[in-house]
Amino acid sequence: MSDNFYSYNVSEGHGLAHDPFKAIIAPRPIGWIASQSNDGIVNLAPYSFFNAFNAAPPIIGFASVGYKDSVSNIEQSGEFCWSLATRNLAESMNQTSAGVPSDVDEFELAGLAKRASRMVAVPHVAASPVSMECKLTQLIQLQDALGKLCDSWLVLGQVVAVHIQQEYLEDGTFNTVKAGSIMRAGGPGDYFSVSAQTHFFMGRP
Protein backbone atom coordinates (compact mmCIF):
# COMPACT_ATOMS: atom_id res chain seq x y z
CA MET A 1 0.00 0.00 0.00
CA SER A 2 1.29 3.46 -0.91
CA ASP A 3 2.76 5.59 1.89
CA ASN A 4 0.97 8.55 0.32
CA PHE A 5 -2.27 7.42 1.96
CA TYR A 6 -3.30 7.31 5.61
CA SER A 7 -5.37 4.13 5.76
CA TYR A 8 -7.23 2.47 8.61
CA ASN A 9 -9.84 -0.18 9.28
CA VAL A 10 -12.89 1.48 10.78
CA SER A 11 -13.36 -1.32 13.33
CA GLU A 12 -9.89 -0.55 14.73
CA GLY A 13 -10.37 3.22 14.98
CA HIS A 14 -8.93 6.09 12.96
CA GLY A 15 -6.19 7.16 15.37
CA LEU A 16 -6.66 10.85 14.57
CA ALA A 17 -7.63 13.83 16.70
CA HIS A 18 -11.05 13.96 15.00
CA ASP A 19 -12.95 11.36 13.00
CA PRO A 20 -12.31 12.35 9.35
CA PHE A 21 -15.57 10.82 8.08
CA LYS A 22 -17.73 13.91 8.65
CA ALA A 23 -15.06 16.21 7.21
CA ILE A 24 -14.68 14.10 4.08
CA ILE A 25 -18.40 13.80 3.38
CA ALA A 26 -18.76 17.58 3.53
CA PRO A 27 -19.95 20.21 3.37
CA ARG A 28 -23.49 18.98 3.99
CA PRO A 29 -26.76 20.96 3.91
CA ILE A 30 -28.30 21.36 7.35
CA GLY A 31 -31.60 19.68 8.12
CA TRP A 32 -33.24 22.35 10.27
CA ILE A 33 -36.29 20.30 11.17
CA ALA A 34 -39.49 21.46 12.85
CA SER A 35 -41.87 18.87 14.24
CA GLN A 36 -44.83 18.79 16.59
CA SER A 37 -46.00 16.25 19.16
CA ASN A 38 -49.58 15.08 19.55
CA ASP A 39 -49.72 17.36 22.59
CA GLY A 40 -48.99 20.36 20.37
CA ILE A 41 -45.41 20.90 21.60
CA VAL A 42 -43.23 22.20 18.76
CA ASN A 43 -39.62 21.07 18.37
CA LEU A 44 -36.92 22.64 16.18
CA ALA A 45 -33.53 20.96 15.74
CA PRO A 46 -30.65 20.94 13.21
CA TYR A 47 -29.35 17.69 11.72
CA SER A 48 -26.06 17.47 9.83
CA PHE A 49 -27.01 14.25 8.01
CA PHE A 50 -29.51 15.76 5.57
CA ASN A 51 -30.12 15.94 1.84
CA ALA A 52 -32.54 15.63 -1.09
CA PHE A 53 -33.21 12.13 -2.42
CA ASN A 54 -35.78 12.44 -5.20
CA ALA A 55 -37.11 15.12 -7.55
CA ALA A 56 -40.53 13.89 -8.68
CA PRO A 57 -42.06 13.72 -6.18
CA PRO A 58 -39.57 15.78 -4.21
CA ILE A 59 -38.32 13.82 -1.20
CA ILE A 60 -35.92 15.08 1.45
CA GLY A 61 -34.58 13.31 4.49
CA PHE A 62 -32.39 13.38 7.54
CA ALA A 63 -30.81 10.88 9.89
CA SER A 64 -30.97 11.20 13.66
CA VAL A 65 -28.35 9.52 15.83
CA GLY A 66 -30.65 8.37 18.61
CA TYR A 67 -34.44 8.27 18.71
CA LYS A 68 -34.81 11.96 19.51
CA ASP A 69 -37.85 14.23 19.90
CA SER A 70 -37.90 15.04 16.18
CA VAL A 71 -38.16 11.37 15.22
CA SER A 72 -40.77 10.66 17.88
CA ASN A 73 -42.89 13.65 16.86
CA ILE A 74 -42.71 12.83 13.16
CA GLU A 75 -43.61 9.20 13.78
CA GLN A 76 -46.65 10.41 15.76
CA SER A 77 -47.85 13.13 13.39
CA GLY A 78 -46.51 12.01 10.00
CA GLU A 79 -45.42 15.58 9.28
CA PHE A 80 -42.43 17.90 9.50
CA CYS A 81 -41.00 21.10 8.03
CA TRP A 82 -37.51 21.92 6.86
CA SER A 83 -36.13 25.48 6.87
CA LEU A 84 -32.95 26.67 5.18
CA ALA A 85 -30.18 27.61 7.62
CA THR A 86 -28.37 30.77 6.51
CA ARG A 87 -25.40 32.81 7.69
CA ASN A 88 -27.55 35.40 9.44
CA LEU A 89 -29.54 32.65 11.18
CA ALA A 90 -26.50 30.55 12.13
CA GLU A 91 -26.42 31.54 15.80
CA SER A 92 -30.15 30.91 16.19
CA MET A 93 -29.80 27.57 14.43
CA ASN A 94 -26.98 26.62 16.77
CA GLN A 95 -29.10 27.48 19.82
CA THR A 96 -31.76 25.01 18.66
CA SER A 97 -29.17 22.20 18.90
CA ALA A 98 -29.13 22.47 22.70
CA GLY A 99 -30.10 19.33 24.61
CA VAL A 100 -33.24 20.49 26.39
CA PRO A 101 -36.32 18.69 27.79
CA SER A 102 -38.97 17.64 25.25
CA ASP A 103 -41.44 20.22 26.60
CA VAL A 104 -39.16 23.12 25.63
CA ASP A 105 -40.08 24.98 22.43
CA GLU A 106 -36.79 25.65 20.61
CA PHE A 107 -38.40 28.40 18.52
CA GLU A 108 -38.90 30.35 21.75
CA LEU A 109 -35.50 29.31 23.10
CA ALA A 110 -33.75 30.79 20.05
CA GLY A 111 -36.07 33.80 19.72
CA LEU A 112 -37.42 32.65 16.37
CA ALA A 113 -40.88 33.52 15.09
CA LYS A 114 -43.07 30.76 13.68
CA ARG A 115 -44.80 30.94 10.31
CA ALA A 116 -47.91 28.83 9.82
CA SER A 117 -47.78 26.13 7.19
CA ARG A 118 -50.54 25.56 4.64
CA MET A 119 -50.50 21.76 4.14
CA VAL A 120 -49.28 20.50 7.53
CA ALA A 121 -49.93 21.49 11.13
CA VAL A 122 -46.23 22.01 11.89
CA PRO A 123 -44.99 25.63 11.64
CA HIS A 124 -41.67 26.64 10.06
CA VAL A 125 -39.02 29.32 10.66
CA ALA A 126 -40.48 32.65 9.56
CA ALA A 127 -37.08 34.30 9.04
CA SER A 128 -35.70 31.56 6.80
CA PRO A 129 -35.65 32.38 3.07
CA VAL A 130 -36.91 28.89 2.19
CA SER A 131 -39.06 26.36 4.01
CA MET A 132 -40.59 23.08 2.87
CA GLU A 133 -43.60 21.28 4.31
CA CYS A 134 -43.29 17.50 4.30
CA LYS A 135 -45.37 14.37 4.79
CA LEU A 136 -43.57 11.34 6.20
CA THR A 137 -42.98 8.61 3.61
CA GLN A 138 -40.55 6.29 5.39
CA LEU A 139 -39.02 5.96 8.85
CA ILE A 140 -36.16 3.48 8.81
CA GLN A 141 -33.90 2.29 11.61
CA LEU A 142 -30.46 1.89 10.04
CA GLN A 143 -28.47 -1.33 10.28
CA ASP A 144 -24.87 -2.34 9.68
CA ALA A 145 -23.43 -4.79 7.16
CA LEU A 146 -24.19 -7.72 9.48
CA GLY A 147 -27.81 -6.71 9.92
CA LYS A 148 -27.34 -5.35 13.45
CA LEU A 149 -29.63 -2.41 14.15
CA CYS A 150 -27.95 0.96 14.72
CA ASP A 151 -29.17 3.64 17.10
CA SER A 152 -29.83 5.87 14.08
CA TRP A 153 -33.07 6.64 12.27
CA LEU A 154 -33.55 7.79 8.68
CA VAL A 155 -36.60 10.01 8.17
CA LEU A 156 -37.81 10.59 4.61
CA GLY A 157 -40.59 12.97 3.69
CA GLN A 158 -42.37 14.08 0.54
CA VAL A 159 -42.37 17.84 0.05
CA VAL A 160 -45.98 19.02 -0.33
CA ALA A 161 -45.48 22.80 -0.16
CA VAL A 162 -42.55 25.18 -0.62
CA HIS A 163 -42.16 28.77 0.60
CA ILE A 164 -39.49 31.02 -0.97
CA GLN A 165 -39.02 34.67 -0.06
CA GLN A 166 -39.50 36.67 -3.27
CA GLU A 167 -36.22 38.59 -2.98
CA TYR A 168 -34.23 35.39 -3.54
CA LEU A 169 -35.89 34.57 -6.87
CA GLU A 170 -34.16 36.13 -9.89
CA ASP A 171 -35.42 35.36 -13.40
CA GLY A 172 -37.19 32.31 -12.04
CA THR A 173 -34.04 30.92 -10.39
CA PHE A 174 -33.31 30.66 -6.67
CA ASN A 175 -30.17 32.62 -5.81
CA THR A 176 -28.27 30.37 -3.41
CA VAL A 177 -25.46 32.87 -2.87
CA LYS A 178 -27.79 35.74 -2.02
CA ALA A 179 -29.66 33.56 0.48
CA GLY A 180 -26.39 32.91 2.33
CA SER A 181 -26.88 29.18 2.77
CA ILE A 182 -24.55 27.49 5.26
CA MET A 183 -23.44 23.87 5.47
CA ARG A 184 -21.94 21.60 8.11
CA ALA A 185 -18.37 20.36 7.82
CA GLY A 186 -16.02 18.29 9.96
CA GLY A 187 -14.42 19.08 13.28
CA PRO A 188 -16.18 20.06 16.50
CA GLY A 189 -18.00 23.01 14.98
CA ASP A 190 -16.92 23.77 11.42
CA TYR A 191 -19.28 25.27 8.84
CA PHE A 192 -19.02 26.61 5.30
CA SER A 193 -21.02 29.33 3.58
CA VAL A 194 -21.79 29.67 -0.14
CA SER A 195 -20.01 32.50 -1.98
CA ALA A 196 -19.96 33.82 -5.54
CA GLN A 197 -16.17 33.30 -5.64
CA THR A 198 -16.56 29.53 -5.46
CA HIS A 199 -19.29 29.30 -8.13
CA PHE A 200 -18.64 27.69 -11.50
CA PHE A 201 -20.89 26.37 -14.27
CA MET A 202 -20.51 23.04 -16.02
CA GLY A 203 -23.12 21.83 -18.48
CA ARG A 204 -23.87 18.18 -19.03
CA PRO A 205 -22.14 16.53 -22.02
C-alpha atoms as a PDB file:
ATOM      1  CA  MET A   1       0.000   0.000   0.000  1.00  0.00           C
ATOM      2  CA  SER A   2       1.289   3.457  -0.905  1.00  0.00           C
ATOM      3  CA  ASP A   3       2.764   5.592   1.890  1.00  0.00           C
ATOM      4  CA  ASN A   4       0.970   8.551   0.316  1.00  0.00           C
ATOM      5  CA  PHE A   5      -2.272   7.415   1.959  1.00  0.00           C
ATOM      6  CA  TYR A   6      -3.298   7.313   5.606  1.00  0.00           C
ATOM      7  CA  SER A   7      -5.373   4.127   5.756  1.00  0.00           C
ATOM      8  CA  TYR A   8      -7.229   2.467   8.608  1.00  0.00           C
ATOM      9  CA  ASN A   9      -9.839  -0.185   9.276  1.00  0.00           C
ATOM     10  CA  VAL A  10     -12.892   1.479  10.783  1.00  0.00           C
ATOM     11  CA  SER A  11     -13.358  -1.317  13.329  1.00  0.00           C
ATOM     12  CA  GLU A  12      -9.885  -0.554  14.726  1.00  0.00           C
ATOM     13  CA  GLY A  13     -10.370   3.219  14.984  1.00  0.00           C
ATOM     14  CA  HIS A  14      -8.930   6.089  12.956  1.00  0.00           C
ATOM     15  CA  GLY A  15      -6.185   7.164  15.372  1.00  0.00           C
ATOM     16  CA  LEU A  16      -6.657  10.855  14.570  1.00  0.00           C
ATOM     17  CA  ALA A  17      -7.630  13.833  16.703  1.00  0.00           C
ATOM     18  CA  HIS A  18     -11.051  13.964  15.000  1.00  0.00           C
ATOM     19  CA  ASP A  19     -12.953  11.360  13.002  1.00  0.00           C
ATOM     20  CA  PRO A  20     -12.314  12.352   9.352  1.00  0.00           C
ATOM     21  CA  PHE A  21     -15.568  10.823   8.082  1.00  0.00           C
ATOM     22  CA  LYS A  22     -17.727  13.915   8.654  1.00  0.00           C
ATOM     23  CA  ALA A  23     -15.060  16.209   7.210  1.00  0.00           C
ATOM     24  CA  ILE A  24     -14.675  14.102   4.076  1.00  0.00           C
ATOM     25  CA  ILE A  25     -18.402  13.802   3.378  1.00  0.00           C
ATOM     26  CA  ALA A  26     -18.758  17.578   3.527  1.00  0.00           C
ATOM     27  CA  PRO A  27     -19.947  20.212   3.375  1.00  0.00           C
ATOM     28  CA  ARG A  28     -23.487  18.985   3.989  1.00  0.00           C
ATOM     29  CA  PRO A  29     -26.756  20.959   3.910  1.00  0.00           C
ATOM     30  CA  ILE A  30     -28.300  21.361   7.347  1.00  0.00           C
ATOM     31  CA  GLY A  31     -31.596  19.683   8.117  1.00  0.00           C
ATOM     32  CA  TRP A  32     -33.242  22.354  10.271  1.00  0.00           C
ATOM     33  CA  ILE A  33     -36.289  20.305  11.166  1.00  0.00           C
ATOM     34  CA  ALA A  34     -39.488  21.464  12.849  1.00  0.00           C
ATOM     35  CA  SER A  35     -41.873  18.870  14.244  1.00  0.00           C
ATOM     36  CA  GLN A  36     -44.825  18.786  16.594  1.00  0.00           C
ATOM     37  CA  SER A  37     -46.002  16.248  19.161  1.00  0.00           C
ATOM     38  CA  ASN A  38     -49.583  15.078  19.545  1.00  0.00           C
ATOM     39  CA  ASP A  39     -49.718  17.364  22.588  1.00  0.00           C
ATOM     40  CA  GLY A  40     -48.988  20.358  20.374  1.00  0.00           C
ATOM     41  CA  ILE A  41     -45.407  20.896  21.598  1.00  0.00           C
ATOM     42  CA  VAL A  42     -43.228  22.200  18.764  1.00  0.00           C
ATOM     43  CA  ASN A  43     -39.623  21.072  18.371  1.00  0.00           C
ATOM     44  CA  LEU A  44     -36.919  22.638  16.185  1.00  0.00           C
ATOM     45  CA  ALA A  45     -33.534  20.964  15.737  1.00  0.00           C
ATOM     46  CA  PRO A  46     -30.645  20.940  13.213  1.00  0.00           C
ATOM     47  CA  TYR A  47     -29.347  17.692  11.716  1.00  0.00           C
ATOM     48  CA  SER A  48     -26.062  17.471   9.827  1.00  0.00           C
ATOM     49  CA  PHE A  49     -27.006  14.250   8.007  1.00  0.00           C
ATOM     50  CA  PHE A  50     -29.508  15.762   5.570  1.00  0.00           C
ATOM     51  CA  ASN A  51     -30.124  15.939   1.839  1.00  0.00           C
ATOM     52  CA  ALA A  52     -32.544  15.631  -1.090  1.00  0.00           C
ATOM     53  CA  PHE A  53     -33.205  12.126  -2.421  1.00  0.00           C
ATOM     54  CA  ASN A  54     -35.781  12.437  -5.197  1.00  0.00           C
ATOM     55  CA  ALA A  55     -37.112  15.119  -7.552  1.00  0.00           C
ATOM     56  CA  ALA A  56     -40.529  13.891  -8.679  1.00  0.00           C
ATOM     57  CA  PRO A  57     -42.063  13.724  -6.181  1.00  0.00           C
ATOM     58  CA  PRO A  58     -39.569  15.784  -4.208  1.00  0.00           C
ATOM     59  CA  ILE A  59     -38.323  13.817  -1.202  1.00  0.00           C
ATOM     60  CA  ILE A  60     -35.916  15.082   1.447  1.00  0.00           C
ATOM     61  CA  GLY A  61     -34.582  13.310   4.486  1.00  0.00           C
ATOM     62  CA  PHE A  62     -32.389  13.382   7.543  1.00  0.00           C
ATOM     63  CA  ALA A  63     -30.806  10.879   9.892  1.00  0.00           C
ATOM     64  CA  SER A  64     -30.969  11.198  13.656  1.00  0.00           C
ATOM     65  CA  VAL A  65     -28.355   9.515  15.827  1.00  0.00           C
ATOM     66  CA  GLY A  66     -30.653   8.368  18.607  1.00  0.00           C
ATOM     67  CA  TYR A  67     -34.437   8.268  18.713  1.00  0.00           C
ATOM     68  CA  LYS A  68     -34.812  11.963  19.505  1.00  0.00           C
ATOM     69  CA  ASP A  69     -37.846  14.227  19.896  1.00  0.00           C
ATOM     70  CA  SER A  70     -37.899  15.042  16.179  1.00  0.00           C
ATOM     71  CA  VAL A  71     -38.162  11.373  15.219  1.00  0.00           C
ATOM     72  CA  SER A  72     -40.769  10.659  17.883  1.00  0.00           C
ATOM     73  CA  ASN A  73     -42.891  13.653  16.857  1.00  0.00           C
ATOM     74  CA  ILE A  74     -42.705  12.830  13.159  1.00  0.00           C
ATOM     75  CA  GLU A  75     -43.614   9.202  13.778  1.00  0.00           C
ATOM     76  CA  GLN A  76     -46.653  10.410  15.758  1.00  0.00           C
ATOM     77  CA  SER A  77     -47.851  13.129  13.395  1.00  0.00           C
ATOM     78  CA  GLY A  78     -46.506  12.007  10.003  1.00  0.00           C
ATOM     79  CA  GLU A  79     -45.424  15.578   9.281  1.00  0.00           C
ATOM     80  CA  PHE A  80     -42.425  17.900   9.504  1.00  0.00           C
ATOM     81  CA  CYS A  81     -40.999  21.099   8.030  1.00  0.00           C
ATOM     82  CA  TRP A  82     -37.508  21.924   6.860  1.00  0.00           C
ATOM     83  CA  SER A  83     -36.133  25.480   6.874  1.00  0.00           C
ATOM     84  CA  LEU A  84     -32.948  26.673   5.179  1.00  0.00           C
ATOM     85  CA  ALA A  85     -30.181  27.609   7.621  1.00  0.00           C
ATOM     86  CA  THR A  86     -28.371  30.765   6.508  1.00  0.00           C
ATOM     87  CA  ARG A  87     -25.403  32.806   7.693  1.00  0.00           C
ATOM     88  CA  ASN A  88     -27.547  35.398   9.439  1.00  0.00           C
ATOM     89  CA  LEU A  89     -29.536  32.649  11.177  1.00  0.00           C
ATOM     90  CA  ALA A  90     -26.500  30.551  12.131  1.00  0.00           C
ATOM     91  CA  GLU A  91     -26.422  31.545  15.805  1.00  0.00           C
ATOM     92  CA  SER A  92     -30.149  30.907  16.193  1.00  0.00           C
ATOM     93  CA  MET A  93     -29.803  27.574  14.428  1.00  0.00           C
ATOM     94  CA  ASN A  94     -26.976  26.620  16.771  1.00  0.00           C
ATOM     95  CA  GLN A  95     -29.102  27.483  19.819  1.00  0.00           C
ATOM     96  CA  THR A  96     -31.755  25.012  18.659  1.00  0.00           C
ATOM     97  CA  SER A  97     -29.169  22.199  18.897  1.00  0.00           C
ATOM     98  CA  ALA A  98     -29.134  22.467  22.696  1.00  0.00           C
ATOM     99  CA  GLY A  99     -30.099  19.333  24.606  1.00  0.00           C
ATOM    100  CA  VAL A 100     -33.243  20.492  26.391  1.00  0.00           C
ATOM    101  CA  PRO A 101     -36.319  18.690  27.786  1.00  0.00           C
ATOM    102  CA  SER A 102     -38.969  17.644  25.254  1.00  0.00           C
ATOM    103  CA  ASP A 103     -41.440  20.220  26.600  1.00  0.00           C
ATOM    104  CA  VAL A 104     -39.156  23.123  25.627  1.00  0.00           C
ATOM    105  CA  ASP A 105     -40.084  24.985  22.433  1.00  0.00           C
ATOM    106  CA  GLU A 106     -36.786  25.653  20.607  1.00  0.00           C
ATOM    107  CA  PHE A 107     -38.401  28.401  18.521  1.00  0.00           C
ATOM    108  CA  GLU A 108     -38.900  30.353  21.752  1.00  0.00           C
ATOM    109  CA  LEU A 109     -35.502  29.305  23.105  1.00  0.00           C
ATOM    110  CA  ALA A 110     -33.755  30.790  20.047  1.00  0.00           C
ATOM    111  CA  GLY A 111     -36.071  33.796  19.722  1.00  0.00           C
ATOM    112  CA  LEU A 112     -37.422  32.650  16.369  1.00  0.00           C
ATOM    113  CA  ALA A 113     -40.879  33.521  15.090  1.00  0.00           C
ATOM    114  CA  LYS A 114     -43.068  30.758  13.679  1.00  0.00           C
ATOM    115  CA  ARG A 115     -44.804  30.938  10.314  1.00  0.00           C
ATOM    116  CA  ALA A 116     -47.911  28.829   9.820  1.00  0.00           C
ATOM    117  CA  SER A 117     -47.779  26.133   7.186  1.00  0.00           C
ATOM    118  CA  ARG A 118     -50.544  25.561   4.643  1.00  0.00           C
ATOM    119  CA  MET A 119     -50.503  21.759   4.143  1.00  0.00           C
ATOM    120  CA  VAL A 120     -49.281  20.500   7.526  1.00  0.00           C
ATOM    121  CA  ALA A 121     -49.927  21.494  11.133  1.00  0.00           C
ATOM    122  CA  VAL A 122     -46.232  22.015  11.892  1.00  0.00           C
ATOM    123  CA  PRO A 123     -44.986  25.631  11.640  1.00  0.00           C
ATOM    124  CA  HIS A 124     -41.668  26.641  10.058  1.00  0.00           C
ATOM    125  CA  VAL A 125     -39.020  29.320  10.655  1.00  0.00           C
ATOM    126  CA  ALA A 126     -40.482  32.655   9.560  1.00  0.00           C
ATOM    127  CA  ALA A 127     -37.080  34.304   9.038  1.00  0.00           C
ATOM    128  CA  SER A 128     -35.701  31.557   6.800  1.00  0.00           C
ATOM    129  CA  PRO A 129     -35.647  32.383   3.067  1.00  0.00           C
ATOM    130  CA  VAL A 130     -36.910  28.893   2.188  1.00  0.00           C
ATOM    131  CA  SER A 131     -39.061  26.358   4.005  1.00  0.00           C
ATOM    132  CA  MET A 132     -40.593  23.081   2.874  1.00  0.00           C
ATOM    133  CA  GLU A 133     -43.601  21.281   4.315  1.00  0.00           C
ATOM    134  CA  CYS A 134     -43.291  17.499   4.299  1.00  0.00           C
ATOM    135  CA  LYS A 135     -45.366  14.375   4.788  1.00  0.00           C
ATOM    136  CA  LEU A 136     -43.566  11.341   6.195  1.00  0.00           C
ATOM    137  CA  THR A 137     -42.981   8.614   3.609  1.00  0.00           C
ATOM    138  CA  GLN A 138     -40.549   6.289   5.394  1.00  0.00           C
ATOM    139  CA  LEU A 139     -39.017   5.962   8.849  1.00  0.00           C
ATOM    140  CA  ILE A 140     -36.157   3.481   8.812  1.00  0.00           C
ATOM    141  CA  GLN A 141     -33.900   2.291  11.614  1.00  0.00           C
ATOM    142  CA  LEU A 142     -30.463   1.889  10.036  1.00  0.00           C
ATOM    143  CA  GLN A 143     -28.474  -1.327  10.277  1.00  0.00           C
ATOM    144  CA  ASP A 144     -24.868  -2.335   9.683  1.00  0.00           C
ATOM    145  CA  ALA A 145     -23.427  -4.785   7.160  1.00  0.00           C
ATOM    146  CA  LEU A 146     -24.192  -7.718   9.482  1.00  0.00           C
ATOM    147  CA  GLY A 147     -27.811  -6.705   9.923  1.00  0.00           C
ATOM    148  CA  LYS A 148     -27.343  -5.350  13.455  1.00  0.00           C
ATOM    149  CA  LEU A 149     -29.631  -2.407  14.150  1.00  0.00           C
ATOM    150  CA  CYS A 150     -27.951   0.961  14.721  1.00  0.00           C
ATOM    151  CA  ASP A 151     -29.166   3.641  17.097  1.00  0.00           C
ATOM    152  CA  SER A 152     -29.828   5.871  14.082  1.00  0.00           C
ATOM    153  CA  TRP A 153     -33.075   6.645  12.269  1.00  0.00           C
ATOM    154  CA  LEU A 154     -33.550   7.794   8.675  1.00  0.00           C
ATOM    155  CA  VAL A 155     -36.600  10.006   8.166  1.00  0.00           C
ATOM    156  CA  LEU A 156     -37.812  10.589   4.605  1.00  0.00           C
ATOM    157  CA  GLY A 157     -40.594  12.973   3.688  1.00  0.00           C
ATOM    158  CA  GLN A 158     -42.367  14.082   0.540  1.00  0.00           C
ATOM    159  CA  VAL A 159     -42.371  17.841   0.046  1.00  0.00           C
ATOM    160  CA  VAL A 160     -45.976  19.016  -0.333  1.00  0.00           C
ATOM    161  CA  ALA A 161     -45.484  22.796  -0.162  1.00  0.00           C
ATOM    162  CA  VAL A 162     -42.547  25.177  -0.625  1.00  0.00           C
ATOM    163  CA  HIS A 163     -42.157  28.766   0.596  1.00  0.00           C
ATOM    164  CA  ILE A 164     -39.493  31.019  -0.970  1.00  0.00           C
ATOM    165  CA  GLN A 165     -39.019  34.667  -0.063  1.00  0.00           C
ATOM    166  CA  GLN A 166     -39.500  36.667  -3.266  1.00  0.00           C
ATOM    167  CA  GLU A 167     -36.222  38.592  -2.983  1.00  0.00           C
ATOM    168  CA  TYR A 168     -34.229  35.390  -3.543  1.00  0.00           C
ATOM    169  CA  LEU A 169     -35.893  34.571  -6.866  1.00  0.00           C
ATOM    170  CA  GLU A 170     -34.156  36.129  -9.889  1.00  0.00           C
ATOM    171  CA  ASP A 171     -35.423  35.360 -13.397  1.00  0.00           C
ATOM    172  CA  GLY A 172     -37.192  32.309 -12.035  1.00  0.00           C
ATOM    173  CA  THR A 173     -34.041  30.919 -10.389  1.00  0.00           C
ATOM    174  CA  PHE A 174     -33.312  30.662  -6.672  1.00  0.00           C
ATOM    175  CA  ASN A 175     -30.172  32.622  -5.806  1.00  0.00           C
ATOM    176  CA  THR A 176     -28.270  30.371  -3.412  1.00  0.00           C
ATOM    177  CA  VAL A 177     -25.456  32.873  -2.873  1.00  0.00           C
ATOM    178  CA  LYS A 178     -27.794  35.741  -2.015  1.00  0.00           C
ATOM    179  CA  ALA A 179     -29.656  33.556   0.478  1.00  0.00           C
ATOM    180  CA  GLY A 180     -26.393  32.909   2.326  1.00  0.00           C
ATOM    181  CA  SER A 181     -26.876  29.179   2.771  1.00  0.00           C
ATOM    182  CA  ILE A 182     -24.553  27.490   5.262  1.00  0.00           C
ATOM    183  CA  MET A 183     -23.435  23.873   5.474  1.00  0.00           C
ATOM    184  CA  ARG A 184     -21.935  21.605   8.111  1.00  0.00           C
ATOM    185  CA  ALA A 185     -18.368  20.357   7.821  1.00  0.00           C
ATOM    186  CA  GLY A 186     -16.022  18.290   9.961  1.00  0.00           C
ATOM    187  CA  GLY A 187     -14.418  19.080  13.280  1.00  0.00           C
ATOM    188  CA  PRO A 188     -16.177  20.056  16.499  1.00  0.00           C
ATOM    189  CA  GLY A 189     -18.002  23.015  14.980  1.00  0.00           C
ATOM    190  CA  ASP A 190     -16.922  23.772  11.418  1.00  0.00           C
ATOM    191  CA  TYR A 191     -19.284  25.267   8.838  1.00  0.00           C
ATOM    192  CA  PHE A 192     -19.020  26.615   5.298  1.00  0.00           C
ATOM    193  CA  SER A 193     -21.023  29.330   3.577  1.00  0.00           C
ATOM    194  CA  VAL A 194     -21.787  29.673  -0.140  1.00  0.00           C
ATOM    195  CA  SER A 195     -20.011  32.496  -1.978  1.00  0.00           C
ATOM    196  CA  ALA A 196     -19.962  33.822  -5.538  1.00  0.00           C
ATOM    197  CA  GLN A 197     -16.169  33.300  -5.644  1.00  0.00           C
ATOM    198  CA  THR A 198     -16.559  29.525  -5.464  1.00  0.00           C
ATOM    199  CA  HIS A 199     -19.289  29.303  -8.128  1.00  0.00           C
ATOM    200  CA  PHE A 200     -18.638  27.688 -11.504  1.00  0.00           C
ATOM    201  CA  PHE A 201     -20.890  26.367 -14.270  1.00  0.00           C
ATOM    202  CA  MET A 202     -20.505  23.036 -16.023  1.00  0.00           C
ATOM    203  CA  GLY A 203     -23.123  21.830 -18.478  1.00  0.00           C
ATOM    204  CA  ARG A 204     -23.866  18.176 -19.031  1.00  0.00           C
ATOM    205  CA  PRO A 205     -22.138  16.531 -22.024  1.00  0.00           C
END
